[in-house]
């Protein structure tokens, strides 16, 4: 199992002090995707909707859950260079951010949630619609921010730097292909609706998994405890078992208990059998779980 990488230095930082600000580029991007989604509803065809469903599921599963989250952020497995770059490219196509941006979003939120107290922006206590608006159109401006250092293997990779600089523009080649294939309905459903639903869907899992709910584990000292969402394993690629994930971020498998469906884990297992990934992480042994308390039975679905 690989050692976890420490990217956040919270010395002198305050996860509570600061304010929510409008993020202009983020608001314009997500606003454009929302407008495109509304336009998509006006030109819907069953072929375009099927394309949207398949492309949304595939890019979130392969690119975000497996590539960005489990491989890049938590390093729960190693992939051959060509495969790692392909996974990051598909993750970029999701349309939330480039690889470095995803790391900064994730690690800042994770650091804040593991502190004894954090702002509602990270704790998701502000209510459903306000929290959604914050995450679609705003950023958090710290009075005393943490320092985030992305490891050189990622930060200095020319392909990652290219994706970071061009992540929004990466929708254009896909849009051109979809236009040739099915005209404007395919573009609006395959790009705009997919990006909006992917962004809002990713946020919704984050929102509900960081509000009170079932889960077996409690992380000592963390002001915010994660929850599982029983019955949603297939729909969320296994990301709904977030209580497990907070307890064992080193594990490539998130659905740890029998009956906890985890499609992301199925993909990783398939890649391992093909010899394309190695060093697949597992939950650390009991002797290294001093930071955890067991609190309840696990849920399934």
Protein backbone atom coordinates (compact mmCIF):
# COMPACT_ATOMS: atom_id res chain seq x y z
CA UNK A 1 0.00 0.00 0.00
CA UNK A 2 1.33 3.41 -0.95
CA UNK A 3 1.97 6.02 1.75
CA UNK A 4 -0.64 8.82 1.73
CA UNK A 5 0.56 12.09 0.32
CA UNK A 6 0.22 15.22 2.48
CA UNK A 7 -0.62 18.21 0.30
CA UNK A 8 -2.23 20.57 2.83
CA UNK A 9 -0.34 22.55 5.45
CA UNK A 10 -2.91 24.07 7.79
CA UNK A 11 -0.40 25.81 10.06
CA UNK A 12 -1.94 29.15 11.01
CA UNK A 13 -4.94 28.55 8.74
CA UNK A 14 -8.53 28.96 9.89
CA UNK A 15 -11.26 26.83 8.26
CA UNK A 16 -14.00 29.01 9.73
CA UNK A 17 -12.80 32.54 9.01
CA UNK A 18 -13.67 33.87 5.58
CA UNK A 19 -16.57 34.55 3.27
CA UNK A 20 -18.35 33.14 0.24
CA UNK A 21 -17.68 35.15 -2.93
CA UNK A 22 -19.02 34.98 -6.47
CA UNK A 23 -16.48 33.24 -8.70
CA UNK A 24 -16.87 34.90 -12.10
CA UNK A 25 -15.38 32.25 -14.42
CA UNK A 26 -17.05 29.43 -12.47
CA UNK A 27 -20.43 31.19 -12.53
CA UNK A 28 -20.18 31.89 -16.27
CA UNK A 29 -19.18 28.32 -17.05
CA UNK A 30 -21.89 26.65 -14.99
CA UNK A 31 -24.44 29.25 -16.05
CA UNK A 32 -23.69 28.47 -19.71
CA UNK A 33 -24.11 24.75 -19.02
CA UNK A 34 -27.46 25.40 -17.33
CA UNK A 35 -28.61 27.49 -20.30
CA UNK A 36 -27.50 24.74 -22.65
CA UNK A 37 -29.40 22.18 -20.60
CA UNK A 38 -32.59 24.23 -20.88
CA UNK A 39 -32.03 24.44 -24.64
CA UNK A 40 -31.48 20.67 -24.72
CA UNK A 41 -34.94 20.11 -23.27
CA UNK A 42 -36.40 21.94 -26.27
CA UNK A 43 -34.73 19.65 -28.82
CA UNK A 44 -34.80 16.34 -26.97
CA UNK A 45 -34.72 13.10 -28.92
CA UNK A 46 -34.56 9.62 -27.42
CA UNK A 47 -31.19 9.09 -29.09
CA UNK A 48 -29.77 12.26 -27.54
CA UNK A 49 -31.09 11.36 -24.09
CA UNK A 50 -29.61 7.85 -24.31
CA UNK A 51 -26.30 9.38 -25.38
CA UNK A 52 -26.46 11.75 -22.40
CA UNK A 53 -27.14 8.93 -19.93
CA UNK A 54 -24.38 6.67 -21.26
CA UNK A 55 -21.76 9.42 -21.60
CA UNK A 56 -22.52 10.92 -18.19
CA UNK A 57 -22.26 7.59 -16.41
CA UNK A 58 -19.11 6.50 -18.24
CA UNK A 59 -17.17 9.73 -17.77
CA UNK A 60 -18.04 10.05 -14.08
CA UNK A 61 -17.29 6.39 -13.38
CA UNK A 62 -14.06 6.03 -15.36
CA UNK A 63 -12.77 9.60 -15.31
CA UNK A 64 -13.87 11.06 -12.00
CA UNK A 65 -14.38 8.19 -9.56
CA UNK A 66 -11.60 5.89 -10.79
CA UNK A 67 -9.19 8.37 -12.36
CA UNK A 68 -9.39 11.68 -10.54
CA UNK A 69 -10.59 10.50 -7.12
CA UNK A 70 -9.18 7.06 -6.40
CA UNK A 71 -6.02 7.19 -8.53
CA UNK A 72 -4.87 10.82 -8.59
CA UNK A 73 -6.11 12.24 -5.29
CA UNK A 74 -5.79 9.23 -3.00
CA UNK A 75 -3.22 7.20 -4.94
CA UNK A 76 -5.02 3.96 -4.18
CA UNK A 77 -3.46 2.28 -7.22
CA UNK A 78 -0.73 2.82 -9.80
CA UNK A 79 -1.51 2.78 -13.51
CA UNK A 80 0.70 2.65 -16.57
CA UNK A 81 1.48 6.15 -17.76
CA UNK A 82 -0.69 6.02 -20.88
CA UNK A 83 -3.62 4.68 -18.87
CA UNK A 84 -3.17 7.22 -16.07
CA UNK A 85 -3.22 10.05 -18.60
CA UNK A 86 -6.27 8.59 -20.33
CA UNK A 87 -8.13 8.39 -17.01
CA UNK A 88 -7.22 12.00 -16.22
CA UNK A 89 -8.34 13.12 -19.67
CA UNK A 90 -11.72 11.43 -19.25
CA UNK A 91 -11.94 13.02 -15.79
CA UNK A 92 -11.28 16.41 -17.33
CA UNK A 93 -14.06 15.81 -19.88
CA UNK A 94 -16.48 15.60 -16.93
CA UNK A 95 -16.23 19.40 -16.95
CA UNK A 96 -15.71 20.33 -13.29
CA UNK A 97 -12.04 21.37 -13.49
CA UNK A 98 -8.60 20.26 -14.59
CA UNK A 99 -6.62 17.73 -12.52
CA UNK A 100 -4.86 20.29 -10.30
CA UNK A 101 -8.11 22.14 -9.74
CA UNK A 102 -9.82 18.92 -8.64
CA UNK A 103 -7.00 18.29 -6.15
CA UNK A 104 -7.29 21.79 -4.70
CA UNK A 105 -11.08 21.58 -4.40
CA UNK A 106 -10.99 18.14 -2.80
CA UNK A 107 -8.03 18.61 -0.46
CA UNK A 108 -9.17 22.00 0.79
CA UNK A 109 -12.62 20.64 1.61
CA UNK A 110 -11.20 17.45 3.15
CA UNK A 111 -8.79 19.42 5.35
CA UNK A 112 -11.57 21.74 6.55
CA UNK A 113 -13.93 18.85 7.32
CA UNK A 114 -11.30 17.07 9.41
CA UNK A 115 -10.73 20.12 11.56
CA UNK A 116 -12.81 20.42 14.80
CA UNK A 117 -14.86 23.24 13.20
CA UNK A 118 -15.25 24.53 9.66
CA UNK A 119 -17.33 27.03 7.71
CA UNK A 120 -20.79 26.02 6.41
CA UNK A 121 -19.37 26.19 2.87
CA UNK A 122 -17.36 23.03 3.62
CA UNK A 123 -19.74 21.48 6.14
CA UNK A 124 -22.80 21.69 3.83
CA UNK A 125 -25.00 23.03 6.63
CA UNK A 126 -26.43 25.97 4.70
CA UNK A 127 -29.45 24.16 3.23
CA UNK A 128 -29.90 22.36 -0.05
CA UNK A 129 -30.54 25.23 -2.50
CA UNK A 130 -28.10 27.71 -0.99
CA UNK A 131 -25.37 25.08 -0.84
CA UNK A 132 -26.03 24.17 -4.47
CA UNK A 133 -25.80 27.83 -5.51
CA UNK A 134 -22.56 28.24 -3.56
CA UNK A 135 -20.99 25.24 -5.25
CA UNK A 136 -22.12 26.19 -8.76
CA UNK A 137 -21.30 29.89 -8.68
CA UNK A 138 -19.04 30.73 -5.73
CA UNK A 139 -15.71 30.14 -4.02
CA UNK A 140 -14.64 30.46 -0.40
CA UNK A 141 -12.24 33.29 0.34
CA UNK A 142 -10.19 32.44 3.44
CA UNK A 143 -8.87 35.07 5.79
CA UNK A 144 -6.00 32.67 6.54
CA UNK A 145 -5.92 29.94 3.89
CA UNK A 146 -4.11 26.61 4.13
CA UNK A 147 -1.12 26.04 1.88
CA UNK A 148 -1.59 23.36 -0.75
CA UNK A 149 1.43 21.81 -2.46
CA UNK A 150 0.75 19.38 -5.29
CA UNK A 151 3.46 16.74 -5.63
CA UNK A 152 5.89 17.29 -8.55
CA UNK A 153 4.89 14.03 -10.26
CA UNK A 154 1.53 15.67 -10.95
CA UNK A 155 2.32 19.40 -10.94
CA UNK A 156 5.26 19.07 -13.34
CA UNK A 157 3.62 16.60 -15.73
CA UNK A 158 3.27 18.44 -19.07
CA UNK A 159 0.06 16.58 -19.90
CA UNK A 160 -1.52 17.57 -16.57
CA UNK A 161 -0.43 21.16 -17.09
CA UNK A 162 -1.99 21.10 -20.55
CA UNK A 163 -5.29 19.81 -19.14
CA UNK A 164 -5.20 22.41 -16.35
CA UNK A 165 -4.78 25.22 -18.89
CA UNK A 166 -7.37 23.98 -21.38
CA UNK A 167 -9.93 21.97 -19.39
CA UNK A 168 -12.95 23.99 -20.53
CA UNK A 169 -11.80 23.91 -24.16
CA UNK A 170 -11.57 20.12 -24.05
CA UNK A 171 -15.33 20.04 -24.61
CA UNK A 172 -14.88 21.43 -28.13
CA UNK A 173 -13.45 18.33 -29.85
CA UNK A 174 -16.19 16.24 -28.25
CA UNK A 175 -18.83 18.78 -29.30
CA UNK A 176 -17.57 18.69 -32.90
CA UNK A 177 -17.71 14.91 -32.95
CA UNK A 178 -21.22 14.88 -31.48
CA UNK A 179 -22.41 17.52 -33.96
CA UNK A 180 -21.24 15.39 -36.89
CA UNK A 181 -22.88 12.35 -35.34
CA UNK A 182 -26.24 13.79 -34.32
CA UNK A 183 -26.43 17.57 -34.77
CA UNK A 184 -27.33 20.09 -32.08
CA UNK A 185 -29.41 17.72 -29.92
CA UNK A 186 -26.33 15.53 -29.43
CA UNK A 187 -24.16 18.58 -28.63
CA UNK A 188 -26.59 20.07 -26.12
CA UNK A 189 -27.29 16.75 -24.39
CA UNK A 190 -23.79 15.30 -24.73
CA UNK A 191 -21.95 18.42 -23.56
CA UNK A 192 -24.13 21.00 -21.79
CA UNK A 193 -26.63 18.73 -20.04
CA UNK A 194 -23.94 16.19 -19.21
CA UNK A 195 -21.58 18.76 -17.69
CA UNK A 196 -24.35 20.39 -15.65
CA UNK A 197 -25.76 17.10 -14.37
CA UNK A 198 -22.24 15.80 -13.64
CA UNK A 199 -21.38 18.92 -11.65
CA UNK A 200 -24.68 19.02 -9.77
CA UNK A 201 -24.65 15.25 -9.27
CA UNK A 202 -21.13 15.29 -7.88
CA UNK A 203 -22.16 18.06 -5.50
CA UNK A 204 -25.34 16.22 -4.44
CA UNK A 205 -23.37 13.13 -3.36
CA UNK A 206 -20.99 15.40 -1.47
CA UNK A 207 -23.89 17.25 0.15
CA UNK A 208 -25.84 14.23 1.37
CA UNK A 209 -22.74 12.26 2.35
CA UNK A 210 -21.59 15.09 4.61
CA UNK A 211 -24.89 15.50 6.41
CA UNK A 212 -26.02 13.20 9.24
CA UNK A 213 -26.74 9.65 8.16
CA UNK A 214 -25.74 6.02 8.62
CA UNK A 215 -22.17 4.80 8.78
CA UNK A 216 -20.03 2.42 10.75
CA UNK A 217 -17.03 4.63 11.45
CA UNK A 218 -16.28 7.85 13.29
CA UNK A 219 -13.03 9.74 12.62
CA UNK A 220 -11.72 11.04 15.94
CA UNK A 221 -11.26 14.80 16.12
CA UNK A 222 -13.05 15.55 12.85
CA UNK A 223 -15.77 18.15 13.16
CA UNK A 224 -17.66 16.68 10.23
CA UNK A 225 -18.42 12.97 9.96
CA UNK A 226 -19.27 11.39 6.62
CA UNK A 227 -22.35 9.26 5.96
CA UNK A 228 -23.23 6.36 3.68
CA UNK A 229 -26.20 6.53 1.31
CA UNK A 230 -27.70 3.01 1.32
CA UNK A 231 -29.11 1.75 -1.95
CA UNK A 232 -27.25 4.18 -4.22
CA UNK A 233 -24.04 2.27 -4.88
CA UNK A 234 -24.75 1.57 -8.56
CA UNK A 235 -25.98 5.10 -9.29
CA UNK A 236 -22.99 6.79 -7.59
CA UNK A 237 -20.23 4.42 -8.82
CA UNK A 238 -19.65 3.38 -5.18
CA UNK A 239 -18.96 6.94 -4.00
CA UNK A 240 -22.06 6.88 -1.79
CA UNK A 241 -20.19 4.77 0.80
CA UNK A 242 -18.52 7.94 1.99
CA UNK A 243 -18.37 7.01 5.65
CA UNK A 244 -16.15 4.09 4.61
CA UNK A 245 -14.08 6.40 2.44
CA UNK A 246 -13.41 8.94 5.20
CA UNK A 247 -12.29 6.10 7.46
CA UNK A 248 -10.11 4.40 4.83
CA UNK A 249 -9.08 6.90 2.13
CA UNK A 250 -6.16 4.62 1.26
CA UNK A 251 -8.53 1.91 -0.01
CA UNK A 252 -9.28 1.59 -3.72
CA UNK A 253 -12.49 -0.15 -2.73
CA UNK A 254 -15.08 2.13 -1.12
CA UNK A 255 -17.98 -0.31 -0.79
CA UNK A 256 -16.22 -2.38 1.87
CA UNK A 257 -19.04 -4.45 3.34
CA UNK A 258 -20.96 -7.29 1.68
CA UNK A 259 -23.77 -5.89 -0.45
CA UNK A 260 -22.20 -2.42 -0.81
CA UNK A 261 -22.19 -2.04 -4.59
CA UNK A 262 -19.05 -0.36 -5.94
CA UNK A 263 -18.74 -0.10 -9.76
CA UNK A 264 -15.52 1.92 -9.43
CA UNK A 265 -13.96 -1.03 -7.65
CA UNK A 266 -15.16 -3.37 -10.41
CA UNK A 267 -13.33 -1.24 -12.98
CA UNK A 268 -10.12 -1.26 -10.93
CA UNK A 269 -10.33 -5.03 -10.48
CA UNK A 270 -10.75 -5.46 -14.23
CA UNK A 271 -7.73 -3.26 -14.94
CA UNK A 272 -5.68 -5.18 -12.37
CA UNK A 273 -6.55 -8.51 -13.98
CA UNK A 274 -5.36 -7.09 -17.31
CA UNK A 275 -2.06 -6.11 -15.68
CA UNK A 276 -2.67 -2.39 -16.27
CA UNK A 277 -2.74 -1.30 -12.62
CA UNK A 278 -0.73 -2.37 -9.59
CA UNK A 279 -0.31 -1.52 -5.87
CA UNK A 280 -4.06 -1.55 -5.30
CA UNK A 281 -4.74 -0.15 -1.82
CA UNK A 282 -6.68 -1.90 0.90
CA UNK A 283 -8.00 -0.67 4.28
CA UNK A 284 -5.14 -0.37 6.76
CA UNK A 285 -4.90 -3.10 9.42
CA UNK A 286 -6.60 -2.78 12.80
CA UNK A 287 -3.38 -1.90 14.61
CA UNK A 288 -3.24 1.35 12.57
CA UNK A 289 -6.81 2.46 13.25
CA UNK A 290 -6.25 4.51 16.39
CA UNK A 291 -7.92 7.47 14.65
CA UNK A 292 -11.21 5.57 14.25
CA UNK A 293 -14.12 4.57 16.45
CA UNK A 294 -16.62 1.92 15.39
CA UNK A 295 -20.16 3.15 15.97
CA UNK A 296 -22.80 1.14 14.03
CA UNK A 297 -23.49 -1.61 11.55
CA UNK A 298 -22.83 -0.99 7.87
CA UNK A 299 -25.55 -0.44 5.28
CA UNK A 300 -25.90 -2.10 1.88
CA UNK A 301 -27.25 -1.40 -1.57
